[in-house]
Amino acid sequence: MQRRQFIKSSCNICLLAGSGFLLSELGACGPAYQVVKTEIINNQVQIPVAGFTQSGLQFVRPKGWLYDIAVMKKNDDTYEAILLQCTHQSNQLIPAGNGYTCSLHGSQFNKEGVVTKGPASHPLKKYPVAIDHENLIINLNQS
């Protein structure tokens, strides 16, 4: 094997190995959370309480909505539902650290929906949550 072929082959092997590593890392960049997709019936959505056994936080995407709802199990075994729509310019919020961030202008909210960094100045919209047997009922009429 000539030196030129050896270097070319070695470079190709390194590129393939590096590409495989980068692709696996990019896969990890996706959301580390699951979104429960559900129908809206009588201005309510239902999700199973059993989904909170592994995590105290779930994300719900009502059919036809542009924004997710974060549903959090609190320490007193009650639940809170928060619309992940930035109150500054209506951008979808993303989970970040111990709260939510707007990728449009950088507003930040804590996990209770309170503004921790502007330009947003209003807290996130909350929905009442009730437990009905093995399901949580989120009432989308009220806030």
C-alpha atoms as a PDB file:
ATOM      1  CA  MET A   1       0.000   0.000   0.000  1.00  0.00           C
ATOM      2  CA  GLN A   2       1.364   3.368  -0.926  1.00  0.00           C
ATOM      3  CA  ARG A   3       1.675   6.132   1.630  1.00  0.00           C
ATOM      4  CA  ARG A   4      -0.966   8.272  -0.098  1.00  0.00           C
ATOM      5  CA  GLN A   5      -3.537   5.431  -0.046  1.00  0.00           C
ATOM      6  CA  PHE A   6      -2.732   4.685   3.600  1.00  0.00           C
ATOM      7  CA  ILE A   7      -3.306   8.325   4.640  1.00  0.00           C
ATOM      8  CA  LYS A   8      -6.498   8.536   2.587  1.00  0.00           C
ATOM      9  CA  SER A   9      -7.858   5.294   4.098  1.00  0.00           C
ATOM     10  CA  SER A  10      -6.919   6.417   7.607  1.00  0.00           C
ATOM     11  CA  CYS A  11      -8.645   9.764   7.125  1.00  0.00           C
ATOM     12  CA  ASN A  12     -11.802   8.061   5.829  1.00  0.00           C
ATOM     13  CA  ILE A  13     -11.889   5.765   8.873  1.00  0.00           C
ATOM     14  CA  CYS A  14     -11.486   8.735  11.213  1.00  0.00           C
ATOM     15  CA  LEU A  15     -14.270  10.639   9.425  1.00  0.00           C
ATOM     16  CA  LEU A  16     -16.631   7.658   9.643  1.00  0.00           C
ATOM     17  CA  ALA A  17     -15.895   7.150  13.347  1.00  0.00           C
ATOM     18  CA  GLY A  18     -16.326  10.871  14.044  1.00  0.00           C
ATOM     19  CA  SER A  19     -19.590  10.998  12.093  1.00  0.00           C
ATOM     20  CA  GLY A  20     -20.995   8.084  14.065  1.00  0.00           C
ATOM     21  CA  PHE A  21     -20.090   9.778  17.332  1.00  0.00           C
ATOM     22  CA  LEU A  22     -21.618  13.109  16.292  1.00  0.00           C
ATOM     23  CA  LEU A  23     -24.839  11.485  15.081  1.00  0.00           C
ATOM     24  CA  SER A  24     -25.275   9.679  18.393  1.00  0.00           C
ATOM     25  CA  GLU A  25     -24.677  12.941  20.261  1.00  0.00           C
ATOM     26  CA  LEU A  26     -27.160  14.835  18.072  1.00  0.00           C
ATOM     27  CA  GLY A  27     -29.786  12.239  18.895  1.00  0.00           C
ATOM     28  CA  ALA A  28     -29.287  13.138  22.536  1.00  0.00           C
ATOM     29  CA  CYS A  29     -29.977  16.816  21.734  1.00  0.00           C
ATOM     30  CA  GLY A  30     -33.662  16.114  21.133  1.00  0.00           C
ATOM     31  CA  PRO A  31     -36.195  16.636  23.876  1.00  0.00           C
ATOM     32  CA  ALA A  32     -35.521  14.552  26.979  1.00  0.00           C
ATOM     33  CA  TYR A  33     -39.229  14.467  27.692  1.00  0.00           C
ATOM     34  CA  GLN A  34     -42.269  12.844  26.167  1.00  0.00           C
ATOM     35  CA  VAL A  35     -45.330  14.642  24.922  1.00  0.00           C
ATOM     36  CA  VAL A  36     -48.728  13.028  25.500  1.00  0.00           C
ATOM     37  CA  LYS A  37     -50.998  13.800  22.537  1.00  0.00           C
ATOM     38  CA  THR A  38     -54.673  13.851  23.371  1.00  0.00           C
ATOM     39  CA  GLU A  39     -58.092  14.895  22.110  1.00  0.00           C
ATOM     40  CA  ILE A  40     -60.112  17.788  23.522  1.00  0.00           C
ATOM     41  CA  ILE A  41     -63.567  16.658  24.671  1.00  0.00           C
ATOM     42  CA  ASN A  42     -65.968  19.222  26.162  1.00  0.00           C
ATOM     43  CA  ASN A  43     -63.081  21.707  26.572  1.00  0.00           C
ATOM     44  CA  GLN A  44     -61.178  19.204  28.686  1.00  0.00           C
ATOM     45  CA  VAL A  45     -58.229  16.888  28.190  1.00  0.00           C
ATOM     46  CA  GLN A  46     -57.553  13.717  30.152  1.00  0.00           C
ATOM     47  CA  ILE A  47     -54.258  12.032  30.890  1.00  0.00           C
ATOM     48  CA  PRO A  48     -53.615   8.939  33.005  1.00  0.00           C
ATOM     49  CA  VAL A  49     -52.361   9.527  36.544  1.00  0.00           C
ATOM     50  CA  ALA A  50     -50.148   6.443  36.094  1.00  0.00           C
ATOM     51  CA  GLY A  51     -47.874   8.490  33.827  1.00  0.00           C
ATOM     52  CA  PHE A  52     -46.554  10.301  36.896  1.00  0.00           C
ATOM     53  CA  THR A  53     -45.036   7.209  38.504  1.00  0.00           C
ATOM     54  CA  GLN A  54     -41.640   7.729  36.839  1.00  0.00           C
ATOM     55  CA  SER A  55     -41.638  11.513  36.567  1.00  0.00           C
ATOM     56  CA  GLY A  56     -43.479  14.306  38.326  1.00  0.00           C
ATOM     57  CA  LEU A  57     -43.756  16.223  35.058  1.00  0.00           C
ATOM     58  CA  GLN A  58     -45.579  15.458  31.818  1.00  0.00           C
ATOM     59  CA  PHE A  59     -46.190  17.487  28.696  1.00  0.00           C
ATOM     60  CA  VAL A  60     -49.584  17.377  27.015  1.00  0.00           C
ATOM     61  CA  ARG A  61     -50.346  18.475  23.454  1.00  0.00           C
ATOM     62  CA  PRO A  62     -54.084  18.858  22.846  1.00  0.00           C
ATOM     63  CA  LYS A  63     -55.033  18.028  19.264  1.00  0.00           C
ATOM     64  CA  GLY A  64     -55.070  21.168  17.114  1.00  0.00           C
ATOM     65  CA  TRP A  65     -53.131  23.294  19.618  1.00  0.00           C
ATOM     66  CA  LEU A  66     -49.827  24.982  18.888  1.00  0.00           C
ATOM     67  CA  TYR A  67     -48.720  24.986  22.525  1.00  0.00           C
ATOM     68  CA  ASP A  68     -48.011  22.226  25.007  1.00  0.00           C
ATOM     69  CA  ILE A  69     -49.290  22.117  28.563  1.00  0.00           C
ATOM     70  CA  ALA A  70     -46.866  21.209  31.338  1.00  0.00           C
ATOM     71  CA  VAL A  71     -48.552  19.144  34.048  1.00  0.00           C
ATOM     72  CA  MET A  72     -46.623  18.903  37.290  1.00  0.00           C
ATOM     73  CA  LYS A  73     -47.281  16.731  40.320  1.00  0.00           C
ATOM     74  CA  LYS A  74     -46.675  18.798  43.436  1.00  0.00           C
ATOM     75  CA  ASN A  75     -45.350  17.591  46.802  1.00  0.00           C
ATOM     76  CA  ASP A  76     -48.865  17.566  48.316  1.00  0.00           C
ATOM     77  CA  ASP A  77     -50.078  15.143  45.578  1.00  0.00           C
ATOM     78  CA  THR A  78     -52.003  17.857  43.747  1.00  0.00           C
ATOM     79  CA  TYR A  79     -51.362  18.761  40.110  1.00  0.00           C
ATOM     80  CA  GLU A  80     -50.763  22.003  38.273  1.00  0.00           C
ATOM     81  CA  ALA A  81     -51.217  22.598  34.526  1.00  0.00           C
ATOM     82  CA  ILE A  82     -49.392  25.484  32.826  1.00  0.00           C
ATOM     83  CA  LEU A  83     -49.727  26.584  29.190  1.00  0.00           C
ATOM     84  CA  LEU A  84     -46.250  26.795  27.623  1.00  0.00           C
ATOM     85  CA  GLN A  85     -47.006  29.936  25.624  1.00  0.00           C
ATOM     86  CA  CYS A  86     -44.726  32.899  26.279  1.00  0.00           C
ATOM     87  CA  THR A  87     -46.681  35.878  27.559  1.00  0.00           C
ATOM     88  CA  HIS A  88     -44.403  38.277  25.685  1.00  0.00           C
ATOM     89  CA  GLN A  89     -45.043  37.323  22.044  1.00  0.00           C
ATOM     90  CA  SER A  90     -46.821  33.954  22.191  1.00  0.00           C
ATOM     91  CA  ASN A  91     -43.839  31.741  21.315  1.00  0.00           C
ATOM     92  CA  GLN A  92     -43.777  28.049  22.363  1.00  0.00           C
ATOM     93  CA  LEU A  93     -41.664  27.615  25.499  1.00  0.00           C
ATOM     94  CA  ILE A  94     -39.160  24.825  25.961  1.00  0.00           C
ATOM     95  CA  PRO A  95     -38.129  23.094  29.199  1.00  0.00           C
ATOM     96  CA  ALA A  96     -34.800  24.429  30.443  1.00  0.00           C
ATOM     97  CA  GLY A  97     -33.209  23.645  33.773  1.00  0.00           C
ATOM     98  CA  ASN A  98     -35.807  24.190  36.477  1.00  0.00           C
ATOM     99  CA  GLY A  99     -38.325  26.042  34.326  1.00  0.00           C
ATOM    100  CA  TYR A 100     -39.121  27.138  30.787  1.00  0.00           C
ATOM    101  CA  THR A 101     -37.374  29.367  28.253  1.00  0.00           C
ATOM    102  CA  CYS A 102     -38.570  31.290  25.216  1.00  0.00           C
ATOM    103  CA  SER A 103     -36.181  30.825  22.316  1.00  0.00           C
ATOM    104  CA  LEU A 104     -37.484  33.951  20.581  1.00  0.00           C
ATOM    105  CA  HIS A 105     -36.451  36.727  22.996  1.00  0.00           C
ATOM    106  CA  GLY A 106     -35.033  34.859  25.994  1.00  0.00           C
ATOM    107  CA  SER A 107     -37.827  35.204  28.538  1.00  0.00           C
ATOM    108  CA  GLN A 108     -37.567  32.671  31.341  1.00  0.00           C
ATOM    109  CA  PHE A 109     -40.186  31.255  33.694  1.00  0.00           C
ATOM    110  CA  ASN A 110     -39.777  29.040  36.734  1.00  0.00           C
ATOM    111  CA  LYS A 111     -41.604  25.713  37.000  1.00  0.00           C
ATOM    112  CA  GLU A 112     -44.605  27.485  38.575  1.00  0.00           C
ATOM    113  CA  GLY A 113     -44.901  29.804  35.549  1.00  0.00           C
ATOM    114  CA  VAL A 114     -43.583  32.956  37.233  1.00  0.00           C
ATOM    115  CA  VAL A 115     -41.371  35.242  35.117  1.00  0.00           C
ATOM    116  CA  THR A 116     -37.734  35.074  36.212  1.00  0.00           C
ATOM    117  CA  LYS A 117     -36.275  36.995  33.249  1.00  0.00           C
ATOM    118  CA  GLY A 118     -37.942  39.345  30.768  1.00  0.00           C
ATOM    119  CA  PRO A 119     -38.939  40.736  28.388  1.00  0.00           C
ATOM    120  CA  ALA A 120     -42.117  38.832  29.416  1.00  0.00           C
ATOM    121  CA  SER A 121     -43.808  40.527  32.358  1.00  0.00           C
ATOM    122  CA  HIS A 122     -46.849  38.293  33.029  1.00  0.00           C
ATOM    123  CA  PRO A 123     -46.922  34.772  34.482  1.00  0.00           C
ATOM    124  CA  LEU A 124     -47.971  31.792  32.387  1.00  0.00           C
ATOM    125  CA  LYS A 125     -51.632  30.789  32.088  1.00  0.00           C
ATOM    126  CA  LYS A 126     -52.726  27.993  34.423  1.00  0.00           C
ATOM    127  CA  TYR A 127     -55.580  25.532  34.079  1.00  0.00           C
ATOM    128  CA  PRO A 128     -57.460  23.802  36.895  1.00  0.00           C
ATOM    129  CA  VAL A 129     -56.779  20.095  37.264  1.00  0.00           C
ATOM    130  CA  ALA A 130     -59.073  17.508  38.868  1.00  0.00           C
ATOM    131  CA  ILE A 131     -58.584  13.804  39.511  1.00  0.00           C
ATOM    132  CA  ASP A 132     -61.276  11.457  38.250  1.00  0.00           C
ATOM    133  CA  HIS A 133     -60.491   7.839  39.176  1.00  0.00           C
ATOM    134  CA  GLU A 134     -57.299   7.051  37.249  1.00  0.00           C
ATOM    135  CA  ASN A 135     -57.228  10.183  35.075  1.00  0.00           C
ATOM    136  CA  LEU A 136     -56.339  13.822  35.443  1.00  0.00           C
ATOM    137  CA  ILE A 137     -58.870  16.197  33.906  1.00  0.00           C
ATOM    138  CA  ILE A 138     -57.523  19.535  32.696  1.00  0.00           C
ATOM    139  CA  ASN A 139     -60.278  22.101  32.214  1.00  0.00           C
ATOM    140  CA  LEU A 140     -59.341  24.348  29.299  1.00  0.00           C
ATOM    141  CA  ASN A 141     -62.255  26.786  29.848  1.00  0.00           C
ATOM    142  CA  GLN A 142     -60.920  28.290  33.042  1.00  0.00           C
ATOM    143  CA  SER A 143     -57.630  29.830  34.028  1.00  0.00           C
END
